[in-house]
N, C-alpha and C. Protein backbone atom coordinates (compact mmCIF):
# COMPACT_ATOMS: atom_id res chain seq x y z
N MET A 1 0.85 -1.19 0.00
CA MET A 1 0.00 0.00 0.00
C MET A 1 0.89 1.25 0.00
N PRO A 2 0.64 2.23 -0.89
CA PRO A 2 1.49 3.42 -0.93
C PRO A 2 1.36 4.24 0.35
N GLU A 3 2.48 4.81 0.74
CA GLU A 3 2.51 5.63 1.95
C GLU A 3 1.80 6.95 1.70
N GLN A 4 0.92 7.34 2.61
CA GLN A 4 0.21 8.61 2.51
C GLN A 4 1.16 9.73 2.93
N PRO A 5 1.10 10.86 2.22
CA PRO A 5 1.96 11.98 2.63
C PRO A 5 1.51 12.50 3.99
N ALA A 6 2.49 12.95 4.75
CA ALA A 6 2.18 13.51 6.07
C ALA A 6 1.32 14.74 5.88
N PRO A 7 0.25 14.88 6.65
CA PRO A 7 -0.57 16.08 6.51
C PRO A 7 0.20 17.31 6.98
N PHE A 8 0.03 18.38 6.25
CA PHE A 8 0.66 19.64 6.61
C PHE A 8 -0.16 20.32 7.70
N GLN A 9 0.53 20.86 8.66
CA GLN A 9 -0.12 21.69 9.66
C GLN A 9 -0.31 23.07 9.04
N VAL A 10 -1.41 23.74 9.33
CA VAL A 10 -1.68 25.08 8.81
C VAL A 10 -1.71 26.05 9.97
N ARG A 11 -0.98 27.15 9.81
CA ARG A 11 -0.97 28.22 10.82
C ARG A 11 -1.30 29.53 10.14
N PHE A 12 -2.13 30.33 10.78
CA PHE A 12 -2.51 31.64 10.27
C PHE A 12 -1.69 32.72 10.98
N ALA A 13 -1.19 33.68 10.23
CA ALA A 13 -0.51 34.83 10.82
C ALA A 13 -1.56 35.65 11.58
N ASP A 14 -1.12 36.36 12.63
CA ASP A 14 -2.05 37.17 13.43
C ASP A 14 -2.82 38.17 12.56
N GLU A 15 -2.14 38.83 11.64
CA GLU A 15 -2.81 39.80 10.77
C GLU A 15 -3.84 39.12 9.89
N THR A 16 -3.55 37.89 9.48
CA THR A 16 -4.47 37.14 8.64
C THR A 16 -5.72 36.77 9.44
N LYS A 17 -5.54 36.45 10.71
CA LYS A 17 -6.71 36.16 11.55
C LYS A 17 -7.63 37.37 11.61
N LYS A 18 -7.06 38.57 11.69
CA LYS A 18 -7.86 39.79 11.70
C LYS A 18 -8.58 39.97 10.37
N GLU A 19 -7.86 39.78 9.26
CA GLU A 19 -8.48 39.89 7.93
C GLU A 19 -9.61 38.88 7.80
N PHE A 20 -9.39 37.70 8.31
CA PHE A 20 -10.35 36.61 8.22
C PHE A 20 -11.63 36.95 8.99
N ARG A 21 -11.48 37.55 10.17
CA ARG A 21 -12.65 37.92 10.99
C ARG A 21 -13.52 38.96 10.29
N ASP A 22 -12.93 39.76 9.41
CA ASP A 22 -13.67 40.81 8.71
C ASP A 22 -14.52 40.27 7.56
N LEU A 23 -14.31 39.02 7.19
CA LEU A 23 -15.07 38.42 6.09
C LEU A 23 -16.44 37.97 6.58
N GLY A 24 -17.36 37.81 5.65
CA GLY A 24 -18.67 37.28 5.99
C GLY A 24 -18.60 35.81 6.36
N HIS A 25 -19.64 35.33 7.02
CA HIS A 25 -19.69 33.94 7.49
C HIS A 25 -19.51 32.96 6.33
N SER A 26 -20.19 33.18 5.23
CA SER A 26 -20.12 32.27 4.09
C SER A 26 -18.70 32.22 3.51
N ALA A 27 -18.07 33.38 3.36
CA ALA A 27 -16.70 33.43 2.83
C ALA A 27 -15.75 32.70 3.78
N ARG A 28 -15.88 32.93 5.08
CA ARG A 28 -15.02 32.25 6.06
C ARG A 28 -15.17 30.74 5.95
N ALA A 29 -16.41 30.27 5.85
CA ALA A 29 -16.66 28.82 5.76
C ALA A 29 -16.05 28.25 4.49
N ASP A 30 -16.23 28.93 3.37
CA ASP A 30 -15.67 28.45 2.09
C ASP A 30 -14.15 28.40 2.15
N ILE A 31 -13.56 29.44 2.69
CA ILE A 31 -12.09 29.52 2.76
C ILE A 31 -11.54 28.45 3.70
N LEU A 32 -12.13 28.30 4.88
CA LEU A 32 -11.66 27.27 5.81
C LEU A 32 -11.78 25.88 5.21
N SER A 33 -12.86 25.62 4.50
CA SER A 33 -13.05 24.32 3.86
C SER A 33 -11.97 24.07 2.81
N ALA A 34 -11.69 25.08 1.98
CA ALA A 34 -10.66 24.93 0.94
C ALA A 34 -9.28 24.74 1.55
N VAL A 35 -8.97 25.51 2.60
CA VAL A 35 -7.68 25.39 3.27
C VAL A 35 -7.53 23.99 3.85
N GLN A 36 -8.56 23.52 4.54
CA GLN A 36 -8.51 22.19 5.16
C GLN A 36 -8.37 21.09 4.10
N LYS A 37 -9.11 21.21 3.03
CA LYS A 37 -9.11 20.18 1.99
C LYS A 37 -7.83 20.17 1.16
N LYS A 38 -7.33 21.35 0.81
CA LYS A 38 -6.24 21.43 -0.16
C LYS A 38 -4.87 21.70 0.45
N LEU A 39 -4.80 22.58 1.43
CA LEU A 39 -3.48 22.97 1.93
C LEU A 39 -2.92 22.02 2.97
N THR A 40 -3.74 21.14 3.52
CA THR A 40 -3.22 20.18 4.49
C THR A 40 -2.64 18.93 3.83
N THR A 41 -2.94 18.72 2.55
CA THR A 41 -2.48 17.51 1.89
C THR A 41 -1.45 17.78 0.80
N LYS A 42 -1.77 18.67 -0.14
CA LYS A 42 -0.85 18.93 -1.26
C LYS A 42 -0.78 20.43 -1.55
N PRO A 43 -0.21 21.20 -0.66
CA PRO A 43 -0.23 22.65 -0.85
C PRO A 43 0.57 23.14 -2.05
N LEU A 44 1.53 22.35 -2.51
CA LEU A 44 2.30 22.76 -3.68
C LEU A 44 1.60 22.38 -4.98
N ASP A 45 0.66 21.46 -4.91
CA ASP A 45 -0.08 21.05 -6.10
C ASP A 45 -1.35 21.87 -6.30
N ASP A 46 -2.01 22.21 -5.22
CA ASP A 46 -3.31 22.87 -5.33
C ASP A 46 -3.24 24.39 -5.45
N GLY A 47 -2.19 25.00 -4.96
CA GLY A 47 -2.06 26.44 -5.08
C GLY A 47 -1.24 26.81 -6.30
N GLU A 48 -1.21 28.09 -6.60
CA GLU A 48 -0.46 28.59 -7.75
C GLU A 48 0.62 29.55 -7.27
N PRO A 49 1.80 29.50 -7.89
CA PRO A 49 2.86 30.42 -7.47
C PRO A 49 2.52 31.86 -7.84
N LEU A 50 2.95 32.78 -7.00
CA LEU A 50 2.77 34.20 -7.28
C LEU A 50 4.00 34.74 -7.99
N ILE A 51 3.90 35.94 -8.52
CA ILE A 51 4.99 36.52 -9.31
C ILE A 51 5.40 37.88 -8.76
N ARG A 52 6.35 38.48 -9.42
CA ARG A 52 6.93 39.79 -9.10
C ARG A 52 7.48 39.79 -7.68
N ASP A 53 7.08 40.76 -6.86
CA ASP A 53 7.67 40.82 -5.52
C ASP A 53 7.05 39.79 -4.57
N LEU A 54 6.15 38.97 -5.07
CA LEU A 54 5.53 37.93 -4.24
C LEU A 54 6.06 36.53 -4.59
N ILE A 55 7.17 36.47 -5.32
CA ILE A 55 7.78 35.17 -5.64
C ILE A 55 8.14 34.45 -4.35
N GLY A 56 7.88 33.17 -4.32
CA GLY A 56 8.13 32.36 -3.12
C GLY A 56 6.86 32.12 -2.34
N TYR A 57 5.82 32.85 -2.69
CA TYR A 57 4.51 32.69 -2.04
C TYR A 57 3.56 32.09 -3.06
N ARG A 58 2.45 31.56 -2.55
CA ARG A 58 1.48 30.91 -3.42
C ARG A 58 0.09 31.45 -3.10
N LYS A 59 -0.83 31.23 -4.03
CA LYS A 59 -2.22 31.63 -3.82
C LYS A 59 -3.14 30.45 -4.03
N LEU A 60 -4.19 30.42 -3.25
CA LEU A 60 -5.25 29.43 -3.41
C LEU A 60 -6.52 30.22 -3.72
N PRO A 61 -7.01 30.14 -4.95
CA PRO A 61 -8.26 30.83 -5.28
C PRO A 61 -9.44 30.12 -4.62
N VAL A 62 -10.31 30.90 -4.00
CA VAL A 62 -11.55 30.39 -3.41
C VAL A 62 -12.65 31.39 -3.81
N GLY A 63 -13.28 31.13 -4.95
CA GLY A 63 -14.25 32.09 -5.47
C GLY A 63 -13.56 33.41 -5.76
N GLN A 64 -14.12 34.51 -5.25
CA GLN A 64 -13.51 35.82 -5.45
C GLN A 64 -12.37 36.10 -4.47
N TRP A 65 -12.14 35.19 -3.56
CA TRP A 65 -11.14 35.37 -2.51
C TRP A 65 -9.83 34.70 -2.89
N ARG A 66 -8.75 35.18 -2.29
CA ARG A 66 -7.44 34.56 -2.46
C ARG A 66 -6.83 34.33 -1.09
N VAL A 67 -6.27 33.14 -0.91
CA VAL A 67 -5.53 32.79 0.29
C VAL A 67 -4.07 32.81 -0.14
N VAL A 68 -3.27 33.68 0.46
CA VAL A 68 -1.85 33.77 0.13
C VAL A 68 -1.09 33.04 1.23
N TYR A 69 -0.21 32.12 0.82
CA TYR A 69 0.46 31.28 1.80
C TYR A 69 1.89 30.95 1.38
N HIS A 70 2.62 30.39 2.34
CA HIS A 70 3.99 29.94 2.11
C HIS A 70 4.12 28.54 2.68
N VAL A 71 4.79 27.67 1.94
CA VAL A 71 4.97 26.28 2.39
C VAL A 71 6.37 26.13 2.98
N GLU A 72 6.43 25.67 4.21
CA GLU A 72 7.69 25.34 4.88
C GLU A 72 7.80 23.82 4.80
N GLU A 73 8.37 23.33 3.70
CA GLU A 73 8.39 21.89 3.45
C GLU A 73 9.09 21.10 4.54
N GLN A 74 10.25 21.57 5.01
CA GLN A 74 11.01 20.85 6.03
C GLN A 74 10.21 20.69 7.32
N MET A 75 9.33 21.65 7.59
CA MET A 75 8.55 21.64 8.82
C MET A 75 7.16 21.02 8.61
N VAL A 76 6.84 20.64 7.37
CA VAL A 76 5.52 20.13 6.99
C VAL A 76 4.46 21.12 7.51
N LEU A 77 4.62 22.36 7.07
CA LEU A 77 3.84 23.47 7.61
C LEU A 77 3.43 24.42 6.48
N VAL A 78 2.20 24.88 6.54
CA VAL A 78 1.71 25.90 5.62
C VAL A 78 1.38 27.13 6.45
N LEU A 79 1.94 28.26 6.07
CA LEU A 79 1.68 29.52 6.75
C LEU A 79 0.72 30.34 5.90
N VAL A 80 -0.49 30.57 6.39
CA VAL A 80 -1.45 31.41 5.69
C VAL A 80 -1.15 32.84 6.10
N LEU A 81 -0.73 33.65 5.13
CA LEU A 81 -0.19 34.97 5.43
C LEU A 81 -1.11 36.12 5.04
N ALA A 82 -2.09 35.88 4.20
CA ALA A 82 -3.04 36.93 3.83
C ALA A 82 -4.29 36.29 3.22
N VAL A 83 -5.42 36.95 3.45
CA VAL A 83 -6.69 36.53 2.87
C VAL A 83 -7.38 37.80 2.40
N GLY A 84 -7.83 37.80 1.16
CA GLY A 84 -8.52 38.97 0.66
C GLY A 84 -9.15 38.74 -0.68
N LYS A 85 -9.86 39.78 -1.14
CA LYS A 85 -10.55 39.73 -2.43
C LYS A 85 -9.60 39.88 -3.59
N ARG A 86 -9.91 39.19 -4.64
CA ARG A 86 -9.22 39.41 -5.92
C ARG A 86 -10.16 40.30 -6.72
N ALA A 87 -9.87 41.57 -6.74
CA ALA A 87 -10.75 42.54 -7.40
C ALA A 87 -9.88 43.55 -8.13
N GLU A 88 -9.40 43.16 -9.30
CA GLU A 88 -8.51 44.02 -10.07
C GLU A 88 -9.15 45.38 -10.31
N GLY A 89 -8.39 46.44 -10.05
CA GLY A 89 -8.89 47.79 -10.23
C GLY A 89 -9.67 48.32 -9.05
N ASP A 90 -9.88 47.51 -8.04
CA ASP A 90 -10.63 47.90 -6.84
C ASP A 90 -9.62 48.14 -5.71
N HIS A 91 -9.88 49.14 -4.87
CA HIS A 91 -8.96 49.43 -3.77
C HIS A 91 -8.88 48.28 -2.76
N GLU A 92 -9.84 47.35 -2.80
CA GLU A 92 -9.83 46.20 -1.89
C GLU A 92 -9.04 45.01 -2.45
N ASN A 93 -8.48 45.15 -3.64
CA ASN A 93 -7.73 44.06 -4.27
C ASN A 93 -6.58 43.64 -3.36
N ILE A 94 -6.55 42.37 -3.01
CA ILE A 94 -5.53 41.86 -2.08
C ILE A 94 -4.11 42.15 -2.55
N TYR A 95 -3.89 42.05 -3.87
CA TYR A 95 -2.54 42.23 -4.38
C TYR A 95 -2.09 43.68 -4.37
N ASP A 96 -3.03 44.61 -4.19
CA ASP A 96 -2.67 46.02 -4.03
C ASP A 96 -2.44 46.37 -2.55
N GLN A 97 -2.85 45.47 -1.66
CA GLN A 97 -2.76 45.74 -0.23
C GLN A 97 -1.58 45.07 0.45
N ILE A 98 -0.95 44.10 -0.20
CA ILE A 98 0.18 43.40 0.42
C ILE A 98 1.41 43.50 -0.47
N SER A 99 2.56 43.35 0.15
CA SER A 99 3.82 43.33 -0.60
C SER A 99 4.62 42.13 -0.13
N GLY A 100 5.68 41.83 -0.85
CA GLY A 100 6.57 40.75 -0.43
C GLY A 100 7.15 41.01 0.95
N GLY A 101 7.44 42.28 1.24
CA GLY A 101 7.97 42.63 2.56
C GLY A 101 6.96 42.37 3.66
N ASP A 102 5.69 42.71 3.40
CA ASP A 102 4.63 42.45 4.38
C ASP A 102 4.54 40.95 4.67
N LEU A 103 4.56 40.16 3.60
CA LEU A 103 4.43 38.71 3.77
C LEU A 103 5.63 38.13 4.50
N ALA A 104 6.82 38.65 4.19
CA ALA A 104 8.03 38.17 4.88
C ALA A 104 7.95 38.47 6.37
N GLU A 105 7.45 39.64 6.73
CA GLU A 105 7.31 39.99 8.16
C GLU A 105 6.30 39.07 8.83
N ARG A 106 5.18 38.82 8.17
CA ARG A 106 4.17 37.94 8.74
C ARG A 106 4.72 36.52 8.89
N ARG A 107 5.44 36.05 7.89
CA ARG A 107 6.03 34.71 7.93
C ARG A 107 6.99 34.59 9.11
N GLU A 108 7.86 35.57 9.24
CA GLU A 108 8.84 35.56 10.33
C GLU A 108 8.15 35.57 11.70
N ALA A 109 7.09 36.35 11.83
CA ALA A 109 6.37 36.42 13.11
C ALA A 109 5.76 35.07 13.47
N VAL A 110 5.20 34.37 12.49
CA VAL A 110 4.61 33.05 12.76
C VAL A 110 5.70 32.06 13.15
N LEU A 111 6.81 32.08 12.42
CA LEU A 111 7.90 31.15 12.73
C LEU A 111 8.48 31.42 14.12
N GLN A 112 8.59 32.69 14.50
CA GLN A 112 9.07 33.02 15.85
C GLN A 112 8.09 32.54 16.91
N ALA A 113 6.80 32.69 16.67
CA ALA A 113 5.79 32.22 17.62
C ALA A 113 5.87 30.70 17.78
N ILE A 114 6.07 29.99 16.69
CA ILE A 114 6.20 28.53 16.75
C ILE A 114 7.42 28.14 17.57
N GLU A 115 8.53 28.82 17.32
CA GLU A 115 9.76 28.53 18.07
C GLU A 115 9.57 28.81 19.56
N GLU A 116 8.89 29.88 19.87
CA GLU A 116 8.62 30.21 21.29
C GLU A 116 7.74 29.14 21.93
N GLU A 117 6.74 28.67 21.22
CA GLU A 117 5.88 27.59 21.73
C GLU A 117 6.70 26.33 22.01
N ARG A 118 7.60 26.02 21.11
CA ARG A 118 8.45 24.83 21.29
C ARG A 118 9.36 24.99 22.50
N ARG A 119 9.91 26.17 22.67
CA ARG A 119 10.78 26.42 23.84
C ARG A 119 10.02 26.24 25.13
N ARG A 120 8.81 26.77 25.18
CA ARG A 120 8.00 26.66 26.39
C ARG A 120 7.59 25.22 26.67
N ALA A 121 7.42 24.43 25.60
CA ALA A 121 6.98 23.04 25.76
C ALA A 121 8.11 22.10 26.19
N ARG A 122 9.36 22.53 26.00
CA ARG A 122 10.50 21.67 26.38
C ARG A 122 10.60 21.57 27.90
N PRO A 123 10.84 20.36 28.37
CA PRO A 123 11.02 20.21 29.82
C PRO A 123 12.35 20.83 30.27
N GLY A 124 12.32 21.36 31.47
CA GLY A 124 13.57 21.86 32.06
C GLY A 124 13.74 23.25 31.83
């Protein structure tokens, strides 16, 4: 029997949690379902790579919404770094609201929080 890939753990950046809370109930449910179904099993297959200053990050389209994330393969971890509307020409367009620098800061903050949790969990 073929070995099943290890499920990826998904972590949301603090800023992403705030963005997520601002969405309607239906959008939140759709996004959580897509994240659970796709990003926990094959995040590199189901998402699409981003370009320009967002190289290294990926997007998961969910209707009019986009989930922007980064895969930490060695850690079997997906970091959800932004959630927003894909609305070209609209001031709410997610790609007009985030930059590679923003995502890098969010990524680093999540990784630091994970490291701090691990330190606290170690005995002694």
